[in-house]
């Protein structure tokens, strides 16, 4: 019996507005692609999400992959405010699940700057029964360790948990530990699949 719903945050409960955020900073399409390639597409991004790199160390590492755009990278990440947004359905979904008697948790890969500067967009986590953020743990999805920490910390049984994430690889990791898994492609689809799982 499913008693616990475990969410990813980015692009599930709050949109990660990466391209829009960079466009709002004045970058054109080709430069946006170049910035993303030099930062989010590198292993350094994951290390930053794990809290293994400071902001300055992360920017220096990104710049090392494409030195010609060092100034642009600094401009891109000098503030992360606006990189996260809000979905209209999130609060209603949380309310419905809580009223249904479910405990709510999250496992999410987040940078320290994203958490600090975009907290207003994810403040709904205050209504959750527990959260595991990668930058605090030193480990990130899809590493099984981050799922195990949630289960151990909050004394959860995997077979009583349903995990929802927009990245299939992350869902596969959860399933391997015995959790039910839903690959998020949209709110209505995920809500319907969750209803089937919980009966």
Protein backbone atom coordinates (compact mmCIF):
# COMPACT_ATOMS: atom_id res chain seq x y z
CA UNK A 1 0.00 0.00 0.00
CA UNK A 2 1.37 3.39 -1.00
CA UNK A 3 1.47 5.79 1.93
CA UNK A 4 4.22 8.18 0.83
CA UNK A 5 4.58 10.32 -2.30
CA UNK A 6 8.15 11.34 -3.08
CA UNK A 7 8.59 14.19 -5.55
CA UNK A 8 11.35 15.64 -7.62
CA UNK A 9 10.96 19.44 -7.68
CA UNK A 10 12.41 20.87 -10.92
CA UNK A 11 9.97 20.52 -13.83
CA UNK A 12 7.58 18.52 -11.66
CA UNK A 13 6.41 20.92 -8.94
CA UNK A 14 8.22 24.04 -10.14
CA UNK A 15 9.49 24.84 -13.66
CA UNK A 16 13.23 25.11 -14.22
CA UNK A 17 13.24 28.12 -16.57
CA UNK A 18 16.82 27.77 -17.78
CA UNK A 19 16.54 29.05 -21.37
CA UNK A 20 13.98 31.73 -20.50
CA UNK A 21 16.14 32.87 -17.59
CA UNK A 22 19.19 33.28 -19.83
CA UNK A 23 17.16 35.02 -22.53
CA UNK A 24 15.91 37.50 -19.92
CA UNK A 25 19.55 38.27 -19.14
CA UNK A 26 20.03 39.34 -22.75
CA UNK A 27 21.66 36.28 -24.31
CA UNK A 28 20.68 35.15 -27.80
CA UNK A 29 19.93 31.56 -28.84
CA UNK A 30 23.47 30.51 -29.87
CA UNK A 31 25.00 31.98 -26.69
CA UNK A 32 22.36 30.31 -24.51
CA UNK A 33 23.30 26.94 -26.03
CA UNK A 34 26.98 27.69 -25.47
CA UNK A 35 26.44 28.70 -21.82
CA UNK A 36 24.41 25.57 -21.12
CA UNK A 37 27.00 23.37 -22.82
CA UNK A 38 29.82 24.93 -20.76
CA UNK A 39 27.95 24.62 -17.46
CA UNK A 40 24.91 22.35 -17.09
CA UNK A 41 26.21 19.79 -19.57
CA UNK A 42 29.48 19.27 -17.70
CA UNK A 43 30.31 17.05 -14.68
CA UNK A 44 31.05 20.26 -12.77
CA UNK A 45 27.33 21.05 -12.63
CA UNK A 46 26.64 17.79 -10.82
CA UNK A 47 29.49 18.51 -8.41
CA UNK A 48 27.95 21.93 -7.77
CA UNK A 49 24.58 20.28 -7.12
CA UNK A 50 26.30 17.95 -4.66
CA UNK A 51 27.71 20.95 -2.80
CA UNK A 52 31.24 19.79 -3.63
CA UNK A 53 32.07 23.07 -5.41
CA UNK A 54 31.54 26.60 -4.13
CA UNK A 55 29.94 29.15 -6.45
CA UNK A 56 33.34 30.61 -7.39
CA UNK A 57 34.82 27.17 -7.97
CA UNK A 58 31.88 26.19 -10.16
CA UNK A 59 32.11 29.34 -12.30
CA UNK A 60 35.87 28.88 -12.71
CA UNK A 61 35.30 25.27 -13.73
CA UNK A 62 32.61 26.25 -16.25
CA UNK A 63 34.87 28.95 -17.67
CA UNK A 64 37.66 26.41 -18.03
CA UNK A 65 35.53 24.47 -20.50
CA UNK A 66 34.99 27.55 -22.71
CA UNK A 67 37.36 30.37 -21.70
CA UNK A 68 36.09 32.74 -24.40
CA UNK A 69 32.75 33.16 -22.59
CA UNK A 70 34.05 33.57 -19.05
CA UNK A 71 32.38 36.99 -18.72
CA UNK A 72 29.10 35.66 -20.08
CA UNK A 73 29.16 32.78 -17.60
CA UNK A 74 29.68 35.20 -14.73
CA UNK A 75 26.76 37.32 -15.97
CA UNK A 76 24.59 34.21 -16.42
CA UNK A 77 25.03 33.01 -12.85
CA UNK A 78 25.68 36.20 -10.87
CA UNK A 79 22.09 35.81 -9.69
CA UNK A 80 19.83 32.77 -9.97
CA UNK A 81 16.66 34.65 -9.09
CA UNK A 82 14.13 33.83 -11.80
CA UNK A 83 15.62 30.52 -12.88
CA UNK A 84 12.75 28.73 -11.11
CA UNK A 85 9.07 29.50 -11.63
CA UNK A 86 5.69 28.32 -10.36
CA UNK A 87 3.05 25.94 -11.69
CA UNK A 88 -0.63 26.69 -11.13
CA UNK A 89 -1.39 23.09 -10.11
CA UNK A 90 1.27 22.54 -7.44
CA UNK A 91 -0.49 23.84 -4.32
CA UNK A 92 -3.75 22.12 -5.25
CA UNK A 93 -1.97 18.82 -5.86
CA UNK A 94 -0.20 19.01 -2.51
CA UNK A 95 -3.45 19.87 -0.74
CA UNK A 96 -5.33 17.00 -2.38
CA UNK A 97 -2.65 14.44 -1.49
CA UNK A 98 -2.36 15.63 2.09
CA UNK A 99 -6.13 15.52 2.52
CA UNK A 100 -5.97 11.98 1.13
CA UNK A 101 -3.76 10.99 4.04
CA UNK A 102 -0.46 10.72 2.16
CA UNK A 103 2.88 11.79 3.57
CA UNK A 104 4.85 13.97 1.14
CA UNK A 105 8.62 14.01 0.62
CA UNK A 106 11.08 15.20 -1.98
CA UNK A 107 14.43 14.09 -3.36
CA UNK A 108 15.86 16.81 -5.55
CA UNK A 109 19.10 17.85 -7.20
CA UNK A 110 19.56 21.52 -6.37
CA UNK A 111 22.45 23.98 -6.30
CA UNK A 112 22.94 26.04 -3.12
CA UNK A 113 22.40 29.29 -5.06
CA UNK A 114 19.22 27.98 -6.64
CA UNK A 115 17.84 27.05 -3.23
CA UNK A 116 18.75 30.32 -1.57
CA UNK A 117 17.72 32.68 -4.36
CA UNK A 118 14.60 30.85 -5.61
CA UNK A 119 13.15 29.68 -2.32
CA UNK A 120 9.96 31.67 -2.89
CA UNK A 121 9.18 29.34 -5.81
CA UNK A 122 9.68 26.17 -3.77
CA UNK A 123 8.44 27.29 -0.35
CA UNK A 124 5.75 24.61 -0.62
CA UNK A 125 8.38 22.20 0.74
CA UNK A 126 7.52 23.60 4.17
CA UNK A 127 4.32 21.55 3.90
CA UNK A 128 6.28 18.34 3.24
CA UNK A 129 7.11 15.71 5.82
CA UNK A 130 10.75 15.60 4.75
CA UNK A 131 13.15 16.61 2.00
CA UNK A 132 16.57 15.54 0.77
CA UNK A 133 18.50 18.15 -1.22
CA UNK A 134 21.59 17.06 -3.12
CA UNK A 135 23.71 20.06 -2.14
CA UNK A 136 23.26 19.21 1.53
CA UNK A 137 23.93 15.51 1.09
CA UNK A 138 27.00 15.50 -1.15
CA UNK A 139 25.23 13.03 -3.42
CA UNK A 140 22.80 13.45 -6.31
CA UNK A 141 20.25 11.44 -8.27
CA UNK A 142 20.38 8.89 -9.80
CA UNK A 143 22.89 7.62 -7.21
CA UNK A 144 20.94 5.08 -5.08
CA UNK A 145 22.52 6.55 -1.95
CA UNK A 146 20.35 9.67 -2.01
CA UNK A 147 17.17 7.56 -2.10
CA UNK A 148 18.47 5.36 0.72
CA UNK A 149 19.09 8.45 2.85
CA UNK A 150 15.48 9.56 2.50
CA UNK A 151 14.21 6.08 3.38
CA UNK A 152 16.48 5.74 6.41
CA UNK A 153 16.10 9.30 7.69
CA UNK A 154 12.31 9.20 7.70
CA UNK A 155 11.94 5.47 8.41
CA UNK A 156 10.12 4.74 5.15
CA UNK A 157 9.53 1.38 3.50
CA UNK A 158 10.29 1.55 -0.24
CA UNK A 159 7.24 -0.53 -1.14
CA UNK A 160 5.08 2.14 0.52
CA UNK A 161 6.57 4.95 -1.60
CA UNK A 162 5.73 6.30 -5.06
CA UNK A 163 8.45 8.41 -6.68
CA UNK A 164 7.71 11.04 -9.35
CA UNK A 165 10.53 12.54 -11.45
CA UNK A 166 10.81 13.96 -14.97
CA UNK A 167 14.06 12.06 -15.65
CA UNK A 168 13.60 8.37 -16.45
CA UNK A 169 17.05 7.43 -15.15
CA UNK A 170 16.11 8.79 -11.73
CA UNK A 171 12.85 6.84 -11.71
CA UNK A 172 14.68 3.63 -12.65
CA UNK A 173 16.96 4.06 -9.61
CA UNK A 174 13.94 4.42 -7.34
CA UNK A 175 12.28 1.32 -8.82
CA UNK A 176 15.43 -0.74 -8.27
CA UNK A 177 15.11 0.03 -4.56
CA UNK A 178 11.50 -1.17 -4.51
CA UNK A 179 9.64 2.11 -4.91
CA UNK A 180 6.83 2.60 -7.42
CA UNK A 181 7.97 5.03 -10.09
CA UNK A 182 6.31 7.54 -12.40
CA UNK A 183 8.14 9.39 -15.17
CA UNK A 184 6.60 12.86 -15.12
CA UNK A 185 5.50 14.19 -18.51
CA UNK A 186 2.74 16.48 -17.26
CA UNK A 187 0.49 17.02 -14.25
CA UNK A 188 -2.68 15.34 -15.53
CA UNK A 189 -0.82 12.25 -16.75
CA UNK A 190 1.16 11.92 -13.51
CA UNK A 191 -1.92 12.43 -11.33
CA UNK A 192 -3.79 9.74 -13.30
CA UNK A 193 -0.91 7.26 -13.03
CA UNK A 194 -0.55 7.98 -9.33
CA UNK A 195 -4.27 7.34 -8.82
CA UNK A 196 -3.86 3.95 -10.50
CA UNK A 197 -0.89 3.05 -8.30
CA UNK A 198 -2.53 4.03 -5.01
CA UNK A 199 -5.87 2.50 -6.01
